[in-house]
Amino acid sequence: MQITVEISFYPLDQAFGNQVLEFIADLKGDSSLQIRSNSMSTQISGDFDTVQSKVQSAVKAAFSKGIKAVVVMKMFNEGLELDWLDLTT
């Protein structure tokens, strides 16, 4: 099953910029996923289990660093074409 997850990571720290970029970098790395970011969120489309595993890994890595943060996610039960600007390249 294909899904799309929109995720926003909000570190509760003044040095939030690098923490957000590290979080997005942790989401990337699997060529089977389509990942795009904009100034508000990151969208991930792909196989359900692969997306879930990647999101879980990125959130766990951030929380393991002791970062206090809020994570907001929306899930859609289809893969979407993500064709907007990728600000993280």
PDB file of N, CA and C in Angstrom:
ATOM      1  N   MET A   1       0.837  -1.172   0.000  1.00  0.00           N
ATOM      2  CA  MET A   1       0.000   0.000   0.000  1.00  0.00           C
ATOM      3  C   MET A   1       0.887   1.243   0.000  1.00  0.00           C
ATOM      4  N   GLN A   2       0.530   2.208  -0.824  1.00  0.00           N
ATOM      5  CA  GLN A   2       1.246   3.479  -0.894  1.00  0.00           C
ATOM      6  C   GLN A   2       0.592   4.492   0.048  1.00  0.00           C
ATOM      7  N   ILE A   3       1.430   5.287   0.732  1.00  0.00           N
ATOM      8  CA  ILE A   3       0.921   6.347   1.606  1.00  0.00           C
ATOM      9  C   ILE A   3       1.740   7.616   1.398  1.00  0.00           C
ATOM     10  N   THR A   4       1.193   8.704   1.873  1.00  0.00           N
ATOM     11  CA  THR A   4       1.914   9.972   1.944  1.00  0.00           C
ATOM     12  C   THR A   4       1.770  10.489   3.366  1.00  0.00           C
ATOM     13  N   VAL A   5       2.885  10.893   3.945  1.00  0.00           N
ATOM     14  CA  VAL A   5       2.900  11.470   5.286  1.00  0.00           C
ATOM     15  C   VAL A   5       3.425  12.891   5.177  1.00  0.00           C
ATOM     16  N   GLU A   6       2.700  13.811   5.777  1.00  0.00           N
ATOM     17  CA  GLU A   6       3.196  15.182   5.909  1.00  0.00           C
ATOM     18  C   GLU A   6       3.625  15.329   7.364  1.00  0.00           C
ATOM     19  N   ILE A   7       4.882  15.726   7.576  1.00  0.00           N
ATOM     20  CA  ILE A   7       5.420  15.805   8.923  1.00  0.00           C
ATOM     21  C   ILE A   7       6.069  17.161   9.152  1.00  0.00           C
ATOM     22  N   SER A   8       5.784  17.734  10.306  1.00  0.00           N
ATOM     23  CA  SER A   8       6.402  18.991  10.720  1.00  0.00           C
ATOM     24  C   SER A   8       7.123  18.729  12.032  1.00  0.00           C
ATOM     25  N   PHE A   9       8.365  19.183  12.120  1.00  0.00           N
ATOM     26  CA  PHE A   9       9.212  18.983  13.295  1.00  0.00           C
ATOM     27  C   PHE A   9       9.527  20.353  13.871  1.00  0.00           C
ATOM     28  N   TYR A  10       9.103  20.580  15.099  1.00  0.00           N
ATOM     29  CA  TYR A  10       9.270  21.876  15.748  1.00  0.00           C
ATOM     30  C   TYR A  10      10.133  21.739  16.999  1.00  0.00           C
ATOM     31  N   PRO A  11      11.458  21.916  16.889  1.00  0.00           N
ATOM     32  CA  PRO A  11      12.303  21.886  18.088  1.00  0.00           C
ATOM     33  C   PRO A  11      11.983  23.081  18.981  1.00  0.00           C
ATOM     34  N   LEU A  12      11.938  22.849  20.273  1.00  0.00           N
ATOM     35  CA  LEU A  12      11.654  23.906  21.239  1.00  0.00           C
ATOM     36  C   LEU A  12      12.986  24.441  21.761  1.00  0.00           C
ATOM     37  N   ASP A  13      13.753  25.032  20.847  1.00  0.00           N
ATOM     38  CA  ASP A  13      15.108  25.470  21.131  1.00  0.00           C
ATOM     39  C   ASP A  13      15.433  26.641  20.213  1.00  0.00           C
ATOM     40  N   GLN A  14      16.287  27.532  20.669  1.00  0.00           N
ATOM     41  CA  GLN A  14      16.658  28.676  19.833  1.00  0.00           C
ATOM     42  C   GLN A  14      17.497  28.259  18.628  1.00  0.00           C
ATOM     43  N   ALA A  15      18.197  27.139  18.714  1.00  0.00           N
ATOM     44  CA  ALA A  15      19.027  26.659  17.610  1.00  0.00           C
ATOM     45  C   ALA A  15      18.236  25.662  16.764  1.00  0.00           C
ATOM     46  N   PHE A  16      17.008  26.019  16.430  1.00  0.00           N
ATOM     47  CA  PHE A  16      16.112  25.068  15.762  1.00  0.00           C
ATOM     48  C   PHE A  16      16.472  24.796  14.313  1.00  0.00           C
ATOM     49  N   GLY A  17      17.103  25.738  13.627  1.00  0.00           N
ATOM     50  CA  GLY A  17      17.365  25.583  12.185  1.00  0.00           C
ATOM     51  C   GLY A  17      18.162  24.342  11.853  1.00  0.00           C
ATOM     52  N   ASN A  18      19.290  24.159  12.504  1.00  0.00           N
ATOM     53  CA  ASN A  18      20.122  22.984  12.241  1.00  0.00           C
ATOM     54  C   ASN A  18      19.421  21.701  12.659  1.00  0.00           C
ATOM     55  N   GLN A  19      18.657  21.758  13.735  1.00  0.00           N
ATOM     56  CA  GLN A  19      17.941  20.573  14.198  1.00  0.00           C
ATOM     57  C   GLN A  19      16.894  20.134  13.179  1.00  0.00           C
ATOM     58  N   VAL A  20      16.219  21.080  12.563  1.00  0.00           N
ATOM     59  CA  VAL A  20      15.232  20.755  11.533  1.00  0.00           C
ATOM     60  C   VAL A  20      15.926  20.144  10.318  1.00  0.00           C
ATOM     61  N   LEU A  21      17.037  20.733   9.895  1.00  0.00           N
ATOM     62  CA  LEU A  21      17.768  20.201   8.736  1.00  0.00           C
ATOM     63  C   LEU A  21      18.316  18.805   9.017  1.00  0.00           C
ATOM     64  N   GLU A  22      18.781  18.552  10.224  1.00  0.00           N
ATOM     65  CA  GLU A  22      19.248  17.205  10.590  1.00  0.00           C
ATOM     66  C   GLU A  22      18.086  16.212  10.567  1.00  0.00           C
ATOM     67  N   PHE A  23      16.933  16.636  11.049  1.00  0.00           N
ATOM     68  CA  PHE A  23      15.752  15.769  11.038  1.00  0.00           C
ATOM     69  C   PHE A  23      15.372  15.393   9.607  1.00  0.00           C
ATOM     70  N   ILE A  24      15.360  16.379   8.711  1.00  0.00           N
ATOM     71  CA  ILE A  24      15.034  16.116   7.310  1.00  0.00           C
ATOM     72  C   ILE A  24      16.079  15.198   6.677  1.00  0.00           C
ATOM     73  N   ALA A  25      17.348  15.424   6.997  1.00  0.00           N
ATOM     74  CA  ALA A  25      18.415  14.563   6.465  1.00  0.00           C
ATOM     75  C   ALA A  25      18.222  13.121   6.917  1.00  0.00           C
ATOM     76  N   ASP A  26      17.764  12.922   8.160  1.00  0.00           N
ATOM     77  CA  ASP A  26      17.511  11.563   8.651  1.00  0.00           C
ATOM     78  C   ASP A  26      16.365  10.891   7.898  1.00  0.00           C
ATOM     79  N   LEU A  27      15.433  11.675   7.372  1.00  0.00           N
ATOM     80  CA  LEU A  27      14.327  11.108   6.604  1.00  0.00           C
ATOM     81  C   LEU A  27      14.773  10.653   5.214  1.00  0.00           C
ATOM     82  N   LYS A  28      15.792  11.306   4.685  1.00  0.00           N
ATOM     83  CA  LYS A  28      16.247  10.993   3.326  1.00  0.00           C
ATOM     84  C   LYS A  28      17.157   9.771   3.342  1.00  0.00           C
ATOM     85  N   GLY A  29      17.480   9.272   2.183  1.00  0.00           N
ATOM     86  CA  GLY A  29      18.433   8.177   2.095  1.00  0.00           C
ATOM     87  C   GLY A  29      17.864   6.898   1.517  1.00  0.00           C
ATOM     88  N   ASP A  30      16.593   6.858   1.254  1.00  0.00           N
ATOM     89  CA  ASP A  30      15.987   5.681   0.636  1.00  0.00           C
ATOM     90  C   ASP A  30      15.437   6.099  -0.721  1.00  0.00           C
ATOM     91  N   SER A  31      16.049   5.596  -1.779  1.00  0.00           N
ATOM     92  CA  SER A  31      15.675   6.024  -3.131  1.00  0.00           C
ATOM     93  C   SER A  31      14.265   5.588  -3.521  1.00  0.00           C
ATOM     94  N   SER A  32      13.668   4.674  -2.761  1.00  0.00           N
ATOM     95  CA  SER A  32      12.303   4.241  -3.096  1.00  0.00           C
ATOM     96  C   SER A  32      11.255   5.225  -2.590  1.00  0.00           C
ATOM     97  N   LEU A  33      11.661   6.185  -1.768  1.00  0.00           N
ATOM     98  CA  LEU A  33      10.729   7.173  -1.232  1.00  0.00           C
ATOM     99  C   LEU A  33      10.857   8.482  -1.976  1.00  0.00           C
ATOM    100  N   GLN A  34       9.746   9.163  -2.117  1.00  0.00           N
ATOM    101  CA  GLN A  34       9.737  10.507  -2.685  1.00  0.00           C
ATOM    102  C   GLN A  34       9.579  11.472  -1.518  1.00  0.00           C
ATOM    103  N   ILE A  35      10.559  12.356  -1.345  1.00  0.00           N
ATOM    104  CA  ILE A  35      10.568  13.269  -0.203  1.00  0.00           C
ATOM    105  C   ILE A  35      10.766  14.686  -0.697  1.00  0.00           C
ATOM    106  N   ARG A  36       9.879  15.569  -0.247  1.00  0.00           N
ATOM    107  CA  ARG A  36       9.966  16.986  -0.597  1.00  0.00           C
ATOM    108  C   ARG A  36       9.713  17.805   0.654  1.00  0.00           C
ATOM    109  N   SER A  37      10.411  18.918   0.757  1.00  0.00           N
ATOM    110  CA  SER A  37      10.229  19.824   1.893  1.00  0.00           C
ATOM    111  C   SER A  37       9.881  21.208   1.407  1.00  0.00           C
ATOM    112  N   ASN A  38       9.121  21.902   2.221  1.00  0.00           N
ATOM    113  CA  ASN A  38       8.880  23.318   1.991  1.00  0.00           C
ATOM    114  C   ASN A  38       9.074  24.013   3.336  1.00  0.00           C
ATOM    115  N   SER A  39       8.756  25.260   3.437  1.00  0.00           N
ATOM    116  CA  SER A  39       9.035  26.006   4.669  1.00  0.00           C
ATOM    117  C   SER A  39       8.146  25.592   5.841  1.00  0.00           C
ATOM    118  N   MET A  40       7.100  24.819   5.592  1.00  0.00           N
ATOM    119  CA  MET A  40       6.176  24.427   6.659  1.00  0.00           C
ATOM    120  C   MET A  40       6.278  22.957   7.070  1.00  0.00           C
ATOM    121  N   SER A  41       6.658  22.081   6.123  1.00  0.00           N
ATOM    122  CA  SER A  41       6.628  20.652   6.429  1.00  0.00           C
ATOM    123  C   SER A  41       7.433  19.865   5.404  1.00  0.00           C
ATOM    124  N   THR A  42       7.521  18.570   5.665  1.00  0.00           N
ATOM    125  CA  THR A  42       8.149  17.636   4.735  1.00  0.00           C
ATOM    126  C   THR A  42       7.119  16.571   4.394  1.00  0.00           C
ATOM    127  N   GLN A  43       7.025  16.229   3.115  1.00  0.00           N
ATOM    128  CA  GLN A  43       6.092  15.217   2.645  1.00  0.00           C
ATOM    129  C   GLN A  43       6.890  14.012   2.165  1.00  0.00           C
ATOM    130  N   ILE A  44       6.437  12.827   2.559  1.00  0.00           N
ATOM    131  CA  ILE A  44       7.098  11.578   2.205  1.00  0.00           C
ATOM    132  C   ILE A  44       6.062  10.661   1.584  1.00  0.00           C
ATOM    133  N   SER A  45       6.328  10.166   0.384  1.00  0.00           N
ATOM    134  CA  SER A  45       5.428   9.217  -0.277  1.00  0.00           C
ATOM    135  C   SER A  45       6.189   7.943  -0.580  1.00  0.00           C
ATOM    136  N   GLY A  46       5.494   6.827  -0.416  1.00  0.00           N
ATOM    137  CA  GLY A  46       6.102   5.546  -0.735  1.00  0.00           C
ATOM    138  C   GLY A  46       5.338   4.418  -0.083  1.00  0.00           C
ATOM    139  N   ASP A  47       5.986   3.258  -0.034  1.00  0.00           N
ATOM    140  CA  ASP A  47       5.404   2.074   0.574  1.00  0.00           C
ATOM    141  C   ASP A  47       5.143   2.317   2.060  1.00  0.00           C
ATOM    142  N   PHE A  48       3.995   1.873   2.540  1.00  0.00           N
ATOM    143  CA  PHE A  48       3.572   2.111   3.925  1.00  0.00           C
ATOM    144  C   PHE A  48       4.660   1.753   4.930  1.00  0.00           C
ATOM    145  N   ASP A  49       5.166   0.527   4.866  1.00  0.00           N
ATOM    146  CA  ASP A  49       6.139   0.073   5.851  1.00  0.00           C
ATOM    147  C   ASP A  49       7.449   0.848   5.770  1.00  0.00           C
ATOM    148  N   THR A  50       7.874   1.186   4.571  1.00  0.00           N
ATOM    149  CA  THR A  50       9.116   1.933   4.385  1.00  0.00           C
ATOM    150  C   THR A  50       8.990   3.345   4.932  1.00  0.00           C
ATOM    151  N   VAL A  51       7.878   4.017   4.629  1.00  0.00           N
ATOM    152  CA  VAL A  51       7.648   5.374   5.133  1.00  0.00           C
ATOM    153  C   VAL A  51       7.580   5.355   6.660  1.00  0.00           C
ATOM    154  N   GLN A  52       6.796   4.427   7.207  1.00  0.00           N
ATOM    155  CA  GLN A  52       6.652   4.350   8.657  1.00  0.00           C
ATOM    156  C   GLN A  52       7.997   4.108   9.343  1.00  0.00           C
ATOM    157  N   SER A  53       8.789   3.219   8.776  1.00  0.00           N
ATOM    158  CA  SER A  53      10.104   2.916   9.347  1.00  0.00           C
ATOM    159  C   SER A  53      11.017   4.135   9.325  1.00  0.00           C
ATOM    160  N   LYS A  54      11.008   4.869   8.211  1.00  0.00           N
ATOM    161  CA  LYS A  54      11.851   6.058   8.066  1.00  0.00           C
ATOM    162  C   LYS A  54      11.431   7.149   9.036  1.00  0.00           C
ATOM    163  N   VAL A  55      10.131   7.378   9.165  1.00  0.00           N
ATOM    164  CA  VAL A  55       9.625   8.396  10.096  1.00  0.00           C
ATOM    165  C   VAL A  55       9.966   8.004  11.531  1.00  0.00           C
ATOM    166  N   GLN A  56       9.735   6.744  11.882  1.00  0.00           N
ATOM    167  CA  GLN A  56      10.039   6.279  13.231  1.00  0.00           C
ATOM    168  C   GLN A  56      11.519   6.458  13.549  1.00  0.00           C
ATOM    169  N   SER A  57      12.371   6.113  12.620  1.00  0.00           N
ATOM    170  CA  SER A  57      13.817   6.235  12.814  1.00  0.00           C
ATOM    171  C   SER A  57      14.246   7.691  13.009  1.00  0.00           C
ATOM    172  N   ALA A  58      13.698   8.601  12.209  1.00  0.00           N
ATOM    173  CA  ALA A  58      14.066  10.019  12.298  1.00  0.00           C
ATOM    174  C   ALA A  58      13.587  10.636  13.610  1.00  0.00           C
ATOM    175  N   VAL A  59      12.374  10.312  14.021  1.00  0.00           N
ATOM    176  CA  VAL A  59      11.843  10.845  15.271  1.00  0.00           C
ATOM    177  C   VAL A  59      12.633  10.282  16.458  1.00  0.00           C
ATOM    178  N   LYS A  60      12.918   9.001  16.421  1.00  0.00           N
ATOM    179  CA  LYS A  60      13.688   8.378  17.501  1.00  0.00           C
ATOM    180  C   LYS A  60      15.083   8.994  17.601  1.00  0.00           C
ATOM    181  N   ALA A  61      15.729   9.232  16.462  1.00  0.00           N
ATOM    182  CA  ALA A  61      17.065   9.842  16.464  1.00  0.00           C
ATOM    183  C   ALA A  61      17.021  11.238  17.077  1.00  0.00           C
ATOM    184  N   ALA A  62      16.031  12.035  16.713  1.00  0.00           N
ATOM    185  CA  ALA A  62      15.907  13.394  17.259  1.00  0.00           C
ATOM    186  C   ALA A  62      15.654  13.356  18.755  1.00  0.00           C
ATOM    187  N   PHE A  63      14.732  12.512  19.184  1.00  0.00           N
ATOM    188  CA  PHE A  63      14.404  12.437  20.609  1.00  0.00           C
ATOM    189  C   PHE A  63      15.570  11.860  21.407  1.00  0.00           C
ATOM    190  N   SER A  64      16.342  10.955  20.802  1.00  0.00           N
ATOM    191  CA  SER A  64      17.499  10.365  21.479  1.00  0.00           C
ATOM    192  C   SER A  64      18.613  11.376  21.721  1.00  0.00           C
ATOM    193  N   LYS A  65      18.623  12.443  20.930  1.00  0.00           N
ATOM    194  CA  LYS A  65      19.613  13.512  21.112  1.00  0.00           C
ATOM    195  C   LYS A  65      19.218  14.445  22.249  1.00  0.00           C
ATOM    196  N   GLY A  66      18.072  14.209  22.849  1.00  0.00           N
ATOM    197  CA  GLY A  66      17.609  15.044  23.939  1.00  0.00           C
ATOM    198  C   GLY A  66      16.922  16.317  23.476  1.00  0.00           C
ATOM    199  N   ILE A  67      16.590  16.376  22.195  1.00  0.00           N
ATOM    200  CA  ILE A  67      15.908  17.551  21.655  1.00  0.00           C
ATOM    201  C   ILE A  67      14.456  17.536  22.130  1.00  0.00           C
ATOM    202  N   LYS A  68      14.037  18.613  22.769  1.00  0.00           N
ATOM    203  CA  LYS A  68      12.622  18.759  23.095  1.00  0.00           C
ATOM    204  C   LYS A  68      11.949  19.321  21.855  1.00  0.00           C
ATOM    205  N   ALA A  69      10.962  18.605  21.361  1.00  0.00           N
ATOM    206  CA  ALA A  69      10.349  18.996  20.091  1.00  0.00           C
ATOM    207  C   ALA A  69       8.917  18.495  20.010  1.00  0.00           C
ATOM    208  N   VAL A  70       8.167  19.146  19.146  1.00  0.00           N
ATOM    209  CA  VAL A  70       6.816  18.724  18.808  1.00  0.00           C
ATOM    210  C   VAL A  70       6.863  18.182  17.381  1.00  0.00           C
ATOM    211  N   VAL A  71       6.248  17.040  17.165  1.00  0.00           N
ATOM    212  CA  VAL A  71       6.153  16.442  15.836  1.00  0.00           C
ATOM    213  C   VAL A  71       4.675  16.340  15.483  1.00  0.00           C
ATOM    214  N   VAL A  72       4.310  16.910  14.329  1.00  0.00           N
ATOM    215  CA  VAL A  72       2.925  16.880  13.861  1.00  0.00           C
ATOM    216  C   VAL A  72       2.904  16.128  12.536  1.00  0.00           C
ATOM    217  N   MET A  73       2.029  15.120  12.431  1.00  0.00           N
ATOM    218  CA  MET A  73       1.953  14.324  11.200  1.00  0.00           C
ATOM    219  C   MET A  73       0.517  14.209  10.714  1.00  0.00           C
ATOM    220  N   LYS A  74       0.401  14.171   9.391  1.00  0.00           N
ATOM    221  CA  LYS A  74      -0.863  13.836   8.731  1.00  0.00           C
ATOM    222  C   LYS A  74      -0.555  12.697   7.777  1.00  0.00           C
ATOM    223  N   MET A  75      -1.440  11.717   7.727  1.00  0.00           N
ATOM    224  CA  MET A  75      -1.235  10.569   6.848  1.00  0.00           C
ATOM    225  C   MET A  75      -2.393  10.450   5.869  1.00  0.00           C
ATOM    226  N   PHE A  76      -2.021  10.141   4.626  1.00  0.00           N
ATOM    227  CA  PHE A  76      -2.999   9.942   3.558  1.00  0.00           C
ATOM    228  C   PHE A  76      -2.766   8.557   2.985  1.00  0.00           C
ATOM    229  N   ASN A  77      -3.814   7.789   2.774  1.00  0.00           N
ATOM    230  CA  ASN A  77      -3.649   6.397   2.358  1.00  0.00           C
ATOM    231  C   ASN A  77      -3.483   6.205   0.856  1.00  0.00           C
ATOM    232  N   GLU A  78      -2.795   7.127   0.224  1.00  0.00           N
ATOM    233  CA  GLU A  78      -2.388   6.997  -1.181  1.00  0.00           C
ATOM    234  C   GLU A  78      -1.063   7.695  -1.363  1.00  0.00           C
ATOM    235  N   GLY A  79      -0.323   7.291  -2.362  1.00  0.00           N
ATOM    236  CA  GLY A  79       0.879   8.025  -2.717  1.00  0.00           C
ATOM    237  C   GLY A  79       0.483   9.246  -3.534  1.00  0.00           C
ATOM    238  N   LEU A  80       1.083  10.370  -3.238  1.00  0.00           N
ATOM    239  CA  LEU A  80       0.801  11.595  -3.978  1.00  0.00           C
ATOM    240  C   LEU A  80       2.011  11.997  -4.805  1.00  0.00           C
ATOM    241  N   GLU A  81       1.786  12.669  -5.905  1.00  0.00           N
ATOM    242  CA  GLU A  81       2.868  13.235  -6.704  1.00  0.00           C
ATOM    243  C   GLU A  81       3.350  14.496  -5.996  1.00  0.00           C
ATOM    244  N   LEU A  82       4.589  14.475  -5.574  1.00  0.00           N
ATOM    245  CA  LEU A  82       5.149  15.608  -4.840  1.00  0.00           C
ATOM    246  C   LEU A  82       6.033  16.402  -5.795  1.00  0.00           C
ATOM    247  N   ASP A  83       5.490  17.481  -6.330  1.00  0.00           N
ATOM    248  CA  ASP A  83       6.206  18.200  -7.377  1.00  0.00           C
ATOM    249  C   ASP A  83       6.548  19.632  -7.007  1.00  0.00           C
ATOM    250  N   TRP A  84       6.563  19.963  -5.711  1.00  0.00           N
ATOM    251  CA  TRP A  84       6.898  21.332  -5.330  1.00  0.00           C
ATOM    252  C   TRP A  84       8.384  21.460  -5.009  1.00  0.00           C
ATOM    253  N   LEU A  85       8.799  22.622  -4.684  1.00  0.00           N
ATOM    254  CA  LEU A  85      10.190  22.970  -4.471  1.00  0.00           C
ATOM    255  C   LEU A  85      10.796  22.237  -3.281  1.00  0.00           C
ATOM    256  N   ASP A  86      11.959  21.644  -3.483  1.00  0.00           N
ATOM    257  CA  ASP A  86      12.700  20.981  -2.404  1.00  0.00           C
ATOM    258  C   ASP A  86      13.721  21.977  -1.869  1.00  0.00           C
ATOM    259  N   LEU A  87      13.508  22.492  -0.676  1.00  0.00           N
ATOM    260  CA  LEU A  87      14.376  23.524  -0.100  1.00  0.00           C
ATOM    261  C   LEU A  87      15.593  22.960   0.599  1.00  0.00           C
ATOM    262  N   THR A  88      15.742  21.658   0.659  1.00  0.00           N
ATOM    263  CA  THR A  88      16.823  21.073   1.434  1.00  0.00           C
ATOM    264  C   THR A  88      17.992  20.591   0.589  1.00  0.00           C
ATOM    265  N   THR A  89      18.005  20.915  -0.671  1.00  0.00           N
ATOM    266  CA  THR A  89      19.117  20.450  -1.523  1.00  0.00           C
ATOM    267  C   THR A  89      20.175  21.511  -1.633  1.00  0.00           C
TER     268      THR A  89
END
